[in-house]
Every structure is written in C-alpha cells, then in structure tokens.
C-alpha atoms as a PDB file:
ATOM      1  CA  MET A   1     113.134 -39.998  -0.748  1.00  0.00           C
ATOM      2  CA  ASN A   2     109.870 -39.593   1.311  1.00  0.00           C
ATOM      3  CA  ASN A   3     110.157 -38.074   4.659  1.00  0.00           C
ATOM      4  CA  PRO A   4     109.489 -41.107   7.131  1.00  0.00           C
ATOM      5  CA  PHE A   5     107.928 -38.750   9.879  1.00  0.00           C
ATOM      6  CA  PRO A   6     104.129 -38.265   8.829  1.00  0.00           C
ATOM      7  CA  ASN A   7     103.382 -35.383  11.401  1.00  0.00           C
ATOM      8  CA  LYS A   8     106.224 -32.942  11.171  1.00  0.00           C
ATOM      9  CA  LYS A   9     104.511 -30.165  13.181  1.00  0.00           C
ATOM     10  CA  MET A  10     103.816 -32.560  16.174  1.00  0.00           C
ATOM     11  CA  ILE A  11     107.304 -33.915  16.333  1.00  0.00           C
ATOM     12  CA  ALA A  12     108.907 -30.470  15.819  1.00  0.00           C
ATOM     13  CA  TYR A  13     106.844 -29.456  19.001  1.00  0.00           C
ATOM     14  CA  ILE A  14     107.984 -32.439  20.946  1.00  0.00           C
ATOM     15  CA  ASN A  15     111.525 -32.224  19.800  1.00  0.00           C
ATOM     16  CA  PRO A  16     112.847 -28.714  18.647  1.00  0.00           C
ATOM     17  CA  TYR A  17     115.849 -30.291  16.938  1.00  0.00           C
ATOM     18  CA  TYR A  18     113.726 -32.030  14.517  1.00  0.00           C
ATOM     19  CA  GLY A  19     114.562 -31.105  10.959  1.00  0.00           C
ATOM     20  CA  THR A  20     117.740 -29.129  11.806  1.00  0.00           C
ATOM     21  CA  ASN A  21     121.030 -29.370  10.144  1.00  0.00           C
ATOM     22  CA  PHE A  22     124.490 -29.326  11.761  1.00  0.00           C
ATOM     23  CA  CYS A  23     124.705 -25.435  12.196  1.00  0.00           C
ATOM     24  CA  GLU A  24     121.004 -25.253  13.002  1.00  0.00           C
ATOM     25  CA  PHE A  25     121.534 -27.747  15.803  1.00  0.00           C
ATOM     26  CA  PHE A  26     123.866 -25.450  17.782  1.00  0.00           C
ATOM     27  CA  LEU A  27     121.599 -22.299  17.105  1.00  0.00           C
ATOM     28  CA  VAL A  28     118.686 -23.919  18.527  1.00  0.00           C
ATOM     29  CA  LEU A  29     120.820 -25.260  21.542  1.00  0.00           C
ATOM     30  CA  GLY A  30     122.269 -21.930  22.197  1.00  0.00           C
ATOM     31  CA  LYS A  31     118.678 -20.349  22.286  1.00  0.00           C
ATOM     32  CA  ARG A  32     117.405 -23.078  24.592  1.00  0.00           C
ATOM     33  CA  ALA A  33     120.380 -22.744  26.811  1.00  0.00           C
ATOM     34  CA  LEU A  34     119.684 -19.004  27.169  1.00  0.00           C
ATOM     35  CA  ALA A  35     116.075 -19.755  27.757  1.00  0.00           C
ATOM     36  CA  PHE A  36     116.902 -22.432  30.379  1.00  0.00           C
ATOM     37  CA  PHE A  37     119.391 -20.101  32.395  1.00  0.00           C
ATOM     38  CA  SER A  38     116.800 -17.422  32.283  1.00  0.00           C
ATOM     39  CA  GLY A  39     114.114 -19.675  33.694  1.00  0.00           C
ATOM     40  CA  GLN A  40     111.913 -19.756  30.810  1.00  0.00           C
ATOM     41  CA  GLU A  41     112.587 -23.309  29.850  1.00  0.00           C
ATOM     42  CA  LEU A  42     112.833 -25.784  32.462  1.00  0.00           C
ATOM     43  CA  SER A  43     112.690 -29.163  30.485  1.00  0.00           C
ATOM     44  CA  PHE A  44     115.183 -31.077  28.420  1.00  0.00           C
ATOM     45  CA  ALA A  45     114.373 -32.309  24.962  1.00  0.00           C
ATOM     46  CA  SER A  46     115.592 -35.849  23.994  1.00  0.00           C
ATOM     47  CA  ASP A  47     118.626 -34.685  21.794  1.00  0.00           C
ATOM     48  CA  GLU A  48     119.658 -32.535  24.907  1.00  0.00           C
ATOM     49  CA  ILE A  49     119.663 -35.489  27.181  1.00  0.00           C
ATOM     50  CA  GLN A  50     121.557 -37.338  24.681  1.00  0.00           C
ATOM     51  CA  LEU A  51     124.248 -34.733  24.362  1.00  0.00           C
ATOM     52  CA  LEU A  52     124.629 -33.947  28.073  1.00  0.00           C
ATOM     53  CA  THR A  53     124.873 -37.516  28.855  1.00  0.00           C
ATOM     54  CA  LEU A  54     127.474 -38.366  26.286  1.00  0.00           C
ATOM     55  CA  ILE A  55     129.519 -35.318  27.318  1.00  0.00           C
ATOM     56  CA  CYS A  56     129.388 -36.447  30.958  1.00  0.00           C
ATOM     57  CA  ILE A  57     130.790 -39.920  29.747  1.00  0.00           C
ATOM     58  CA  ALA A  58     133.214 -38.264  27.483  1.00  0.00           C
ATOM     59  CA  ILE A  59     134.615 -35.986  30.307  1.00  0.00           C
ATOM     60  CA  THR A  60     134.798 -39.131  32.832  1.00  0.00           C
ATOM     61  CA  THR A  61     136.446 -41.443  30.297  1.00  0.00           C
ATOM     62  CA  SER A  62     138.843 -38.728  29.343  1.00  0.00           C
ATOM     63  CA  LEU A  63     139.969 -38.117  33.057  1.00  0.00           C
ATOM     64  CA  ILE A  64     140.566 -41.873  33.435  1.00  0.00           C
ATOM     65  CA  GLY A  65     142.066 -42.292  29.945  1.00  0.00           C
ATOM     66  CA  SER A  66     144.742 -39.712  30.334  1.00  0.00           C
ATOM     67  CA  PHE A  67     146.273 -41.934  33.062  1.00  0.00           C
ATOM     68  CA  LEU A  68     145.738 -45.035  31.132  1.00  0.00           C
ATOM     69  CA  VAL A  69     147.567 -43.564  28.075  1.00  0.00           C
ATOM     70  CA  LEU A  70     150.423 -42.417  30.616  1.00  0.00           C
ATOM     71  CA  ARG A  71     150.655 -45.697  32.317  1.00  0.00           C
ATOM     72  CA  GLN A  72     150.506 -47.495  29.110  1.00  0.00           C
ATOM     73  CA  MET A  73     147.543 -49.475  30.190  1.00  0.00           C
ATOM     74  CA  THR A  74     145.451 -48.939  27.345  1.00  0.00           C
ATOM     75  CA  MET A  75     145.462 -52.629  26.309  1.00  0.00           C
ATOM     76  CA  LEU A  76     144.422 -53.764  29.822  1.00  0.00           C
ATOM     77  CA  ALA A  77     141.439 -51.218  29.487  1.00  0.00           C
ATOM     78  CA  ASN A  78     140.532 -52.721  26.011  1.00  0.00           C
ATOM     79  CA  SER A  79     140.435 -55.993  27.733  1.00  0.00           C
ATOM     80  CA  LEU A  80     138.346 -54.902  30.670  1.00  0.00           C
ATOM     81  CA  SER A  81     135.709 -53.070  28.122  1.00  0.00           C
ATOM     82  CA  HIS A  82     135.185 -56.527  26.723  1.00  0.00           C
ATOM     83  CA  THR A  83     135.347 -58.651  29.567  1.00  0.00           C
ATOM     84  CA  MET A  84     132.724 -56.420  31.196  1.00  0.00           C
ATOM     85  CA  LEU A  85     130.233 -58.818  29.387  1.00  0.00           C
ATOM     86  CA  ILE A  86     131.014 -61.582  32.049  1.00  0.00           C
ATOM     87  CA  GLY A  87     129.887 -59.187  34.691  1.00  0.00           C
ATOM     88  CA  ILE A  88     126.515 -58.176  32.707  1.00  0.00           C
ATOM     89  CA  VAL A  89     125.810 -61.933  32.182  1.00  0.00           C
ATOM     90  CA  ALA A  90     126.355 -62.677  35.902  1.00  0.00           C
ATOM     91  CA  ALA A  91     123.972 -59.837  36.792  1.00  0.00           C
ATOM     92  CA  TYR A  92     121.488 -61.146  34.324  1.00  0.00           C
ATOM     93  CA  PHE A  93     121.754 -64.661  35.709  1.00  0.00           C
ATOM     94  CA  LEU A  94     121.325 -63.195  39.323  1.00  0.00           C
ATOM     95  CA  HIS A  95     118.517 -61.170  38.474  1.00  0.00           C
ATOM     96  CA  GLY A  96     116.764 -64.181  36.522  1.00  0.00           C
ATOM     97  CA  PHE A  97     117.423 -66.477  39.222  1.00  0.00           C
ATOM     98  CA  PHE A  98     115.925 -64.416  41.914  1.00  0.00           C
ATOM     99  CA  SER A  99     113.189 -62.908  39.759  1.00  0.00           C
ATOM    100  CA  THR A 100     109.552 -63.896  40.443  1.00  0.00           C
ATOM    101  CA  ASN A 101     109.080 -64.211  36.850  1.00  0.00           C
ATOM    102  CA  PRO A 102     112.448 -64.999  35.248  1.00  0.00           C
ATOM    103  CA  GLN A 103     110.966 -65.786  31.849  1.00  0.00           C
ATOM    104  CA  GLU A 104     110.159 -62.077  31.306  1.00  0.00           C
ATOM    105  CA  PHE A 105     113.569 -60.933  32.149  1.00  0.00           C
ATOM    106  CA  ASP A 106     115.921 -59.769  29.530  1.00  0.00           C
ATOM    107  CA  PHE A 107     119.043 -57.736  29.113  1.00  0.00           C
ATOM    108  CA  ALA A 108     117.109 -54.417  28.720  1.00  0.00           C
ATOM    109  CA  ALA A 109     115.817 -54.839  32.378  1.00  0.00           C
ATOM    110  CA  LEU A 110     119.155 -54.135  33.731  1.00  0.00           C
ATOM    111  CA  VAL A 111     119.783 -50.806  35.084  1.00  0.00           C
ATOM    112  CA  PRO A 112     123.288 -49.384  34.885  1.00  0.00           C
ATOM    113  CA  HIS A 113     123.284 -48.153  38.476  1.00  0.00           C
ATOM    114  CA  ASP A 114     121.930 -51.608  39.826  1.00  0.00           C
ATOM    115  CA  ILE A 115     124.131 -52.593  42.728  1.00  0.00           C
ATOM    116  CA  THR A 116     124.312 -56.258  41.432  1.00  0.00           C
ATOM    117  CA  LEU A 117     125.512 -55.105  38.046  1.00  0.00           C
ATOM    118  CA  LEU A 118     128.047 -52.774  39.534  1.00  0.00           C
ATOM    119  CA  ALA A 119     129.479 -55.324  41.901  1.00  0.00           C
ATOM    120  CA  ALA A 120     129.553 -58.098  39.245  1.00  0.00           C
ATOM    121  CA  GLY A 121     131.413 -55.676  36.702  1.00  0.00           C
ATOM    122  CA  SER A 122     133.832 -54.750  39.350  1.00  0.00           C
ATOM    123  CA  LEU A 123     134.479 -58.441  40.162  1.00  0.00           C
ATOM    124  CA  SER A 124     135.005 -59.063  36.463  1.00  0.00           C
ATOM    125  CA  ALA A 125     137.519 -56.314  36.207  1.00  0.00           C
ATOM    126  CA  LEU A 126     139.457 -57.584  39.226  1.00  0.00           C
ATOM    127  CA  LEU A 127     139.578 -61.058  37.869  1.00  0.00           C
ATOM    128  CA  THR A 128     140.740 -59.689  34.491  1.00  0.00           C
ATOM    129  CA  VAL A 129     143.495 -57.689  36.107  1.00  0.00           C
ATOM    130  CA  TRP A 130     144.431 -60.470  38.399  1.00  0.00           C
ATOM    131  CA  LEU A 131     144.701 -62.994  35.752  1.00  0.00           C
ATOM    132  CA  THR A 132     146.702 -60.790  33.562  1.00  0.00           C
ATOM    133  CA  TYR A 133     149.262 -60.142  36.386  1.00  0.00           C
ATOM    134  CA  PHE A 134     149.093 -63.806  37.242  1.00  0.00           C
ATOM    135  CA  PHE A 135     150.248 -64.975  33.613  1.00  0.00           C
ATOM    136  CA  THR A 136     152.740 -62.043  33.485  1.00  0.00           C
ATOM    137  CA  SER A 137     154.438 -62.567  36.818  1.00  0.00           C
ATOM    138  CA  LYS A 138     153.913 -66.218  37.526  1.00  0.00           C
ATOM    139  CA  MET A 139     154.046 -67.775  34.102  1.00  0.00           C
ATOM    140  CA  ASN A 140     156.598 -65.426  32.692  1.00  0.00           C
ATOM    141  CA  ILE A 141     154.348 -64.468  29.779  1.00  0.00           C
ATOM    142  CA  ALA A 142     154.854 -61.111  28.007  1.00  0.00           C
ATOM    143  CA  GLN A 143     152.087 -58.713  29.083  1.00  0.00           C
ATOM    144  CA  ASP A 144     150.549 -58.088  25.702  1.00  0.00           C
ATOM    145  CA  ALA A 145     150.234 -61.946  25.120  1.00  0.00           C
ATOM    146  CA  ALA A 146     148.716 -62.329  28.594  1.00  0.00           C
ATOM    147  CA  ILE A 147     146.251 -59.587  28.029  1.00  0.00           C
ATOM    148  CA  GLY A 148     145.453 -61.306  24.708  1.00  0.00           C
ATOM    149  CA  ILE A 149     144.806 -64.655  26.247  1.00  0.00           C
ATOM    150  CA  VAL A 150     142.634 -63.214  29.186  1.00  0.00           C
ATOM    151  CA  PHE A 151     140.645 -60.910  26.954  1.00  0.00           C
ATOM    152  CA  THR A 152     139.712 -63.536  24.161  1.00  0.00           C
ATOM    153  CA  PHE A 153     138.876 -66.199  26.873  1.00  0.00           C
ATOM    154  CA  LEU A 154     136.735 -63.978  29.119  1.00  0.00           C
ATOM    155  CA  PHE A 155     135.024 -62.236  26.230  1.00  0.00           C
ATOM    156  CA  ALA A 156     134.339 -65.485  24.288  1.00  0.00           C
ATOM    157  CA  LEU A 157     132.952 -67.044  27.696  1.00  0.00           C
ATOM    158  CA  GLY A 158     130.829 -64.147  28.163  1.00  0.00           C
ATOM    159  CA  ILE A 159     129.247 -64.532  24.738  1.00  0.00           C
ATOM    160  CA  LEU A 160     128.931 -68.210  25.403  1.00  0.00           C
ATOM    161  CA  LEU A 161     127.143 -67.687  28.585  1.00  0.00           C
ATOM    162  CA  VAL A 162     124.661 -65.259  26.981  1.00  0.00           C
ATOM    163  CA  THR A 163     123.666 -67.666  24.355  1.00  0.00           C
ATOM    164  CA  MET A 164     123.222 -70.464  27.166  1.00  0.00           C
ATOM    165  CA  LEU A 165     121.347 -68.341  29.693  1.00  0.00           C
ATOM    166  CA  SER A 166     119.057 -66.507  27.470  1.00  0.00           C
ATOM    167  CA  ARG A 167     116.283 -68.128  25.278  1.00  0.00           C
ATOM    168  CA  SER A 168     117.537 -66.244  22.247  1.00  0.00           C
ATOM    169  CA  SER A 169     121.240 -66.126  20.915  1.00  0.00           C
ATOM    170  CA  HIS A 170     120.655 -62.523  19.822  1.00  0.00           C
ATOM    171  CA  ILE A 171     122.925 -60.401  22.188  1.00  0.00           C
ATOM    172  CA  GLY A 172     121.595 -57.199  20.907  1.00  0.00           C
ATOM    173  CA  THR A 173     123.409 -54.046  19.395  1.00  0.00           C
ATOM    174  CA  GLU A 174     122.485 -51.997  22.447  1.00  0.00           C
ATOM    175  CA  LEU A 175     124.754 -54.307  24.657  1.00  0.00           C
ATOM    176  CA  LEU A 176     127.789 -54.143  22.230  1.00  0.00           C
ATOM    177  CA  MET A 177     127.438 -50.769  20.743  1.00  0.00           C
ATOM    178  CA  GLY A 178     124.967 -48.768  22.877  1.00  0.00           C
ATOM    179  CA  ASN A 179     121.766 -47.007  21.996  1.00  0.00           C
ATOM    180  CA  ALA A 180     122.311 -43.181  22.768  1.00  0.00           C
ATOM    181  CA  ASP A 181     118.920 -42.344  21.128  1.00  0.00           C
ATOM    182  CA  ALA A 182     117.257 -44.317  24.139  1.00  0.00           C
ATOM    183  CA  LEU A 183     118.806 -42.326  26.912  1.00  0.00           C
ATOM    184  CA  ALA A 184     116.605 -40.999  29.506  1.00  0.00           C
ATOM    185  CA  TYR A 185     116.766 -38.184  32.346  1.00  0.00           C
ATOM    186  CA  ASP A 186     117.756 -40.900  34.762  1.00  0.00           C
ATOM    187  CA  ASP A 187     120.862 -41.857  32.779  1.00  0.00           C
ATOM    188  CA  LEU A 188     121.903 -38.179  32.595  1.00  0.00           C
ATOM    189  CA  LEU A 189     121.842 -38.033  36.265  1.00  0.00           C
ATOM    190  CA  LEU A 190     123.773 -41.160  36.613  1.00  0.00           C
ATOM    191  CA  GLN A 191     126.504 -39.945  34.281  1.00  0.00           C
ATOM    192  CA  PHE A 192     126.660 -36.726  36.078  1.00  0.00           C
ATOM    193  CA  ARG A 193     127.194 -38.519  39.338  1.00  0.00           C
ATOM    194  CA  MET A 194     129.844 -40.800  37.704  1.00  0.00           C
ATOM    195  CA  MET A 195     131.688 -37.563  36.530  1.00  0.00           C
ATOM    196  CA  SER A 196     131.502 -35.738  39.758  1.00  0.00           C
ATOM    197  CA  ILE A 197     132.912 -38.919  41.622  1.00  0.00           C
ATOM    198  CA  THR A 198     135.619 -39.456  38.959  1.00  0.00           C
ATOM    199  CA  ILE A 199     136.427 -35.525  39.115  1.00  0.00           C
ATOM    200  CA  LEU A 200     136.630 -35.869  42.958  1.00  0.00           C
ATOM    201  CA  ILE A 201     138.864 -39.083  42.864  1.00  0.00           C
ATOM    202  CA  ILE A 202     141.398 -37.599  40.454  1.00  0.00           C
ATOM    203  CA  VAL A 203     141.573 -34.386  42.472  1.00  0.00           C
ATOM    204  CA  ILE A 204     142.114 -36.137  45.826  1.00  0.00           C
ATOM    205  CA  PHE A 205     144.693 -38.655  44.423  1.00  0.00           C
ATOM    206  CA  PHE A 206     146.075 -36.546  41.576  1.00  0.00           C
ATOM    207  CA  ARG A 207     149.719 -36.540  43.254  1.00  0.00           C
ATOM    208  CA  GLY A 208     149.708 -40.319  43.662  1.00  0.00           C
ATOM    209  CA  PHE A 209     148.428 -40.825  40.122  1.00  0.00           C
ATOM    210  CA  PHE A 210     151.080 -38.331  38.761  1.00  0.00           C
ATOM    211  CA  LEU A 211     153.973 -39.885  40.623  1.00  0.00           C
ATOM    212  CA  SER A 212     153.194 -43.442  40.048  1.00  0.00           C
ATOM    213  CA  SER A 213     152.545 -42.947  36.271  1.00  0.00           C
ATOM    214  CA  PHE A 214     156.068 -41.559  35.762  1.00  0.00           C
ATOM    215  CA  ASP A 215     158.308 -43.019  38.287  1.00  0.00           C
ATOM    216  CA  SER A 216     156.831 -46.066  40.268  1.00  0.00           C
ATOM    217  CA  VAL A 217     160.125 -46.531  42.497  1.00  0.00           C
ATOM    218  CA  PHE A 218     160.110 -42.772  43.500  1.00  0.00           C
ATOM    219  CA  SER A 219     156.478 -42.979  44.114  1.00  0.00           C
ATOM    220  CA  TYR A 220     156.845 -45.862  46.505  1.00  0.00           C
ATOM    221  CA  VAL A 221     159.650 -44.068  48.396  1.00  0.00           C
ATOM    222  CA  LEU A 222     157.223 -41.292  49.088  1.00  0.00           C
ATOM    223  CA  GLY A 223     154.483 -43.713  50.140  1.00  0.00           C
ATOM    224  CA  PHE A 224     152.442 -43.792  46.990  1.00  0.00           C
ATOM    225  CA  SER A 225     152.018 -47.599  45.837  1.00  0.00           C
ATOM    226  CA  SER A 226     152.008 -48.010  42.142  1.00  0.00           C
ATOM    227  CA  ALA A 227     149.929 -51.258  42.486  1.00  0.00           C
ATOM    228  CA  PHE A 228     147.179 -49.588  44.515  1.00  0.00           C
ATOM    229  CA  PHE A 229     146.644 -46.759  41.946  1.00  0.00           C
ATOM    230  CA  SER A 230     146.721 -49.255  39.079  1.00  0.00           C
ATOM    231  CA  TYR A 231     144.073 -51.340  40.813  1.00  0.00           C
ATOM    232  CA  LEU A 232     142.078 -47.954  41.565  1.00  0.00           C
ATOM    233  CA  LEU A 233     142.314 -46.913  37.810  1.00  0.00           C
ATOM    234  CA  MET A 234     141.030 -50.378  36.568  1.00  0.00           C
ATOM    235  CA  LEU A 235     138.260 -50.060  39.140  1.00  0.00           C
ATOM    236  CA  GLN A 236     137.354 -46.778  37.756  1.00  0.00           C
ATOM    237  CA  VAL A 237     137.598 -48.080  34.150  1.00  0.00           C
ATOM    238  CA  ALA A 238     135.288 -51.040  35.309  1.00  0.00           C
ATOM    239  CA  ILE A 239     132.640 -48.805  36.902  1.00  0.00           C
ATOM    240  CA  CYS A 240     132.606 -46.342  34.034  1.00  0.00           C
ATOM    241  CA  SER A 241     132.170 -49.141  31.452  1.00  0.00           C
ATOM    242  CA  ILE A 242     129.465 -50.644  33.280  1.00  0.00           C
ATOM    243  CA  THR A 243     127.385 -47.437  33.702  1.00  0.00           C
ATOM    244  CA  ALA A 244     128.231 -46.160  30.159  1.00  0.00           C
ATOM    245  CA  PHE A 245     127.271 -49.432  28.416  1.00  0.00           C
ATOM    246  CA  ARG A 246     123.757 -48.438  27.648  1.00  0.00           C
ATOM    247  CA  ALA A 247     124.887 -45.257  25.873  1.00  0.00           C
ATOM    248  CA  VAL A 248     128.165 -46.215  24.088  1.00  0.00           C
ATOM    249  CA  GLY A 249     128.258 -49.962  24.518  1.00  0.00           C
ATOM    250  CA  VAL A 250     130.934 -52.348  25.809  1.00  0.00           C
ATOM    251  CA  MET A 251     132.918 -52.153  22.499  1.00  0.00           C
ATOM    252  CA  LEU A 252     132.949 -48.667  21.809  1.00  0.00           C
ATOM    253  CA  VAL A 253     133.866 -47.348  25.097  1.00  0.00           C
ATOM    254  CA  LEU A 254     137.510 -47.821  24.833  1.00  0.00           C
ATOM    255  CA  SER A 255     137.633 -45.171  21.884  1.00  0.00           C
ATOM    256  CA  PHE A 256     136.023 -42.724  24.663  1.00  0.00           C
ATOM    257  CA  PHE A 257     138.872 -43.757  27.082  1.00  0.00           C
ATOM    258  CA  VAL A 258     141.975 -43.656  24.848  1.00  0.00           C
ATOM    259  CA  GLY A 259     141.183 -41.433  21.759  1.00  0.00           C
ATOM    260  CA  PRO A 260     140.747 -37.919  23.378  1.00  0.00           C
ATOM    261  CA  ALA A 261     143.882 -38.739  25.665  1.00  0.00           C
ATOM    262  CA  LEU A 262     146.071 -39.658  22.731  1.00  0.00           C
ATOM    263  CA  ILE A 263     144.979 -36.291  21.016  1.00  0.00           C
ATOM    264  CA  ALA A 264     145.823 -34.290  23.962  1.00  0.00           C
ATOM    265  CA  ARG A 265     149.127 -36.142  24.688  1.00  0.00           C
ATOM    266  CA  ARG A 266     150.115 -35.294  21.234  1.00  0.00           C
ATOM    267  CA  LEU A 267     149.301 -31.617  21.826  1.00  0.00           C
ATOM    268  CA  SER A 268     150.706 -30.996  25.218  1.00  0.00           C
ATOM    269  CA  GLY A 269     153.472 -32.313  27.565  1.00  0.00           C
ATOM    270  CA  HIS A 270     152.242 -30.929  30.756  1.00  0.00           C
ATOM    271  CA  LEU A 271     150.113 -33.335  32.670  1.00  0.00           C
ATOM    272  CA  LYS A 272     147.503 -30.829  34.101  1.00  0.00           C
ATOM    273  CA  ARG A 273     146.956 -29.260  30.576  1.00  0.00           C
ATOM    274  CA  MET A 274     146.883 -32.651  28.911  1.00  0.00           C
ATOM    275  CA  VAL A 275     143.993 -33.902  31.155  1.00  0.00           C
ATOM    276  CA  CYS A 276     142.243 -30.509  30.695  1.00  0.00           C
ATOM    277  CA  LEU A 277     142.615 -30.593  27.030  1.00  0.00           C
ATOM    278  CA  SER A 278     141.483 -34.166  26.788  1.00  0.00           C
ATOM    279  CA  CYS A 279     138.186 -33.268  28.608  1.00  0.00           C
ATOM    280  CA  ALA A 280     137.561 -30.313  26.565  1.00  0.00           C
ATOM    281  CA  LEU A 281     138.293 -32.069  23.159  1.00  0.00           C
ATOM    282  CA  SER A 282     136.158 -35.050  24.080  1.00  0.00           C
ATOM    283  CA  ALA A 283     133.349 -32.726  24.830  1.00  0.00           C
ATOM    284  CA  ILE A 284     133.645 -30.806  21.646  1.00  0.00           C
ATOM    285  CA  ILE A 285     133.824 -33.930  19.603  1.00  0.00           C
ATOM    286  CA  THR A 286     130.929 -35.421  21.283  1.00  0.00           C
ATOM    287  CA  ALA A 287     128.846 -32.414  20.696  1.00  0.00           C
ATOM    288  CA  CYS A 288     129.773 -32.268  16.972  1.00  0.00           C
ATOM    289  CA  GLY A 289     128.965 -36.042  16.650  1.00  0.00           C
ATOM    290  CA  VAL A 290     125.460 -35.639  18.236  1.00  0.00           C
ATOM    291  CA  ALA A 291     124.699 -32.721  15.777  1.00  0.00           C
ATOM    292  CA  LEU A 292     126.160 -34.589  12.863  1.00  0.00           C
ATOM    293  CA  SER A 293     123.814 -37.429  13.747  1.00  0.00           C
ATOM    294  CA  ARG A 294     120.924 -35.109  14.034  1.00  0.00           C
ATOM    295  CA  HIS A 295     121.923 -33.555  10.545  1.00  0.00           C
ATOM    296  CA  LEU A 296     122.051 -37.146   8.825  1.00  0.00           C
ATOM    297  CA  LEU A 297     118.644 -37.948  10.062  1.00  0.00           C
ATOM    298  CA  SER A 298     116.968 -34.513   9.232  1.00  0.00           C
ATOM    299  CA  ILE A 299     118.629 -34.040   5.888  1.00  0.00           C
ATOM    300  CA  TYR A 300     119.292 -37.438   4.599  1.00  0.00           C
ATOM    301  CA  PHE A 301     116.744 -39.438   6.715  1.00  0.00           C
ATOM    302  CA  LEU A 302     119.795 -41.762   7.614  1.00  0.00           C
ATOM    303  CA  PRO A 303     119.524 -43.011  11.288  1.00  0.00           C
ATOM    304  CA  VAL A 304     123.175 -43.873  12.405  1.00  0.00           C
ATOM    305  CA  SER A 305     124.664 -44.920  15.781  1.00  0.00           C
ATOM    306  CA  THR A 306     125.472 -41.677  17.479  1.00  0.00           C
ATOM    307  CA  SER A 307     128.252 -43.317  19.676  1.00  0.00           C
ATOM    308  CA  ALA A 308     129.837 -45.077  16.695  1.00  0.00           C
ATOM    309  CA  LEU A 309     129.754 -41.713  14.875  1.00  0.00           C
ATOM    310  CA  ILE A 310     131.570 -40.020  17.882  1.00  0.00           C
ATOM    311  CA  SER A 311     134.218 -42.887  17.794  1.00  0.00           C
ATOM    312  CA  VAL A 312     134.869 -42.327  14.123  1.00  0.00           C
ATOM    313  CA  LEU A 313     135.236 -38.593  14.681  1.00  0.00           C
ATOM    314  CA  ILE A 314     137.799 -39.303  17.481  1.00  0.00           C
ATOM    315  CA  ALA A 315     139.799 -41.473  15.236  1.00  0.00           C
ATOM    316  CA  LEU A 316     139.684 -38.786  12.467  1.00  0.00           C
ATOM    317  CA  SER A 317     140.797 -36.156  14.900  1.00  0.00           C
ATOM    318  CA  TYR A 318     143.659 -38.151  15.936  1.00  0.00           C
ATOM    319  CA  LEU A 319     144.752 -38.538  12.363  1.00  0.00           C
ATOM    320  CA  VAL A 320     144.502 -35.035  11.748  1.00  0.00           C
ATOM    321  CA  VAL A 321     146.662 -34.243  14.848  1.00  0.00           C
ATOM    322  CA  LEU A 322     149.295 -36.659  13.668  1.00  0.00           C
ATOM    323  CA  LEU A 323     149.804 -34.657  10.590  1.00  0.00           C
ATOM    324  CA  ARG A 324     151.124 -31.693  12.618  1.00  0.00           C
ATOM    325  CA  PRO A 325     154.556 -31.694  14.328  1.00  0.00           C
ATOM    326  CA  SER A 326     154.663 -33.353  17.545  1.00  0.00           C
ATOM    327  CA  ARG A 327     154.800 -31.046  20.791  1.00  0.00           C
ATOM    328  CA  ALA A 328     158.150 -29.829  21.997  1.00  0.00           C
END
C-alpha cells in the first residue's frame, strides 16, 4: 500500500509523532516532556493536544462515573448522554434564529463552552431526570422501564428535530462519535477547567456523595439530601457530556463514565482507592488508545476513530478484569 502522505519530512517536522509505532510514540512523548519541563520545547503537537484533552476528559468522567456506579445510576447517565442531543439542537436553533446569516450556520459552529449550549444541555438533563422520576414515582413504572421510555423518546425527538431544522438530514459523525483528531488548544483548556472544577466539587462534597451513595436515610439524618446529590451528579454528567461531545461524541461518552469505574470497583472495595484507581486506569487506557491510533495510521495507514478505539480498550480491560477473582 502506498504512503498517502507525499511530503514525509514536512509532516514529520510539523508532527514529531508522524511515522511512529506504539512504543516509539511513548519514547517521543517522554523526550518532548523532558524538553518541555526544561524549557526547551514550549509548544504542543497535535497528538499531544489530543492526548492531554482526552486524559482530562477521562479523569473527569472517571470521577463522576465512580459515584454513578455506586449509586446504580449508570442507565440514567446513559439516557442523559443521548438526550443531550435535544440540548444541542436547542442551541443550534437559538444560534440560527439570532444569527445574522442563519443559512451559513451548522453544527460545527457550536462551541462546547458556549453559554447557550451549556444552558440548553443542562435543561435537557434536568428534563430527562424529572421525566424519569415522574414516571417512576407518579405513574408507578419501574425505573428501568421509565428510563427506556424517556431515553428513546427524547433521543428520537432530537434526531427528528435535527432533520427538520437543518437543510441536510446528515447529523455528522463528529456529533455522535466525536473527532479527537480535530481538537485544538482551546479544547484542551476547556477540558482542563472542567477537570479542575469536577475535582473541586468532589473534594468539597465528598462526604455528602459518600454517605448518600451508601445509606440515603442515614445521610438525610446527618443533613445530606440524597436527592440534592443525585441532581448535582446528573448536572455534572450533563455539563461534562456537552463539553466532551466534540472529542468523544454523545454516544461514546458513556463508556468513559462507566468503564473505568467498573474496573476500579472490581479491583478495590475502598471508595477513595476506587476513585483514584479509576482515574489512573482511565488515563493509562486513554494514552494507550492514542498511541495505538497513531500506530495503526503510521504502520498500516489505517485511520480510526481514537475515541471509539479507547472505548473498545476500556471494554476489553473490563473483560480481562472479570477473569480474575473479585476483590475481598
């Protein structure tokens, strides 16, 4: 097979990871990290921006996902990650409605940290949670059935609105599956801020999350409302999903929320160790996924979705963990 890149020297100069295999990727990364911290190299290559952005997303989702697993709210998070499409469509409509030239607007113009997008995503999350609780408490429907009804309805409605409000019925793979190769430095800054805010929230409210996750009655006696922390957790899921959709898409983000937490839960029964282990494992798997994606492109000239590849590695890692005895 012929090399699809005609000017190898030029591309290698722009991207130092061009042509590297899996092991060489980490060798180059180590050399450039040493150069960066010594002040010799002060700029990031595209692969490094992709790697650091995805690691920030992985750590953020792992922190939130640990409590989703403990509170058995993963299916509700799955619903949120898909019904986010309603919020994105709402932001699209508002931007197009107030735009001076709405005919030129498309989904690519949406910025993840745009206040309209964040507000619309948060409202769609609250709508999803409220409808789920309404069917569960008022209509006496089982929670899994209620989630299924709300999830399929809102997700299908989002797809329907996309085809109605846009001139093309093509939604785009970037919206559903992300495009990690198109990430820029602004995306890295956004995800670093998201990670920092998430860490701050978890640290401040750790006791409340801990108590309400294991014993809602006891936590209520101590003054910690289980409902408050459930809504806070869902709001974090919504905002994280909205800001991460450009990188991992609204369909793959669930694997980042749930996978590392399930692996860590299998390996440890201590909450703090589980949370730390989940973050560490997600960062390692993400780095391996980015390196493997570069390996497939460099050696076999096979471009693959980096976020989808990481999701597959997360699933395979969980299967491997399942083969070992459970923690004591």
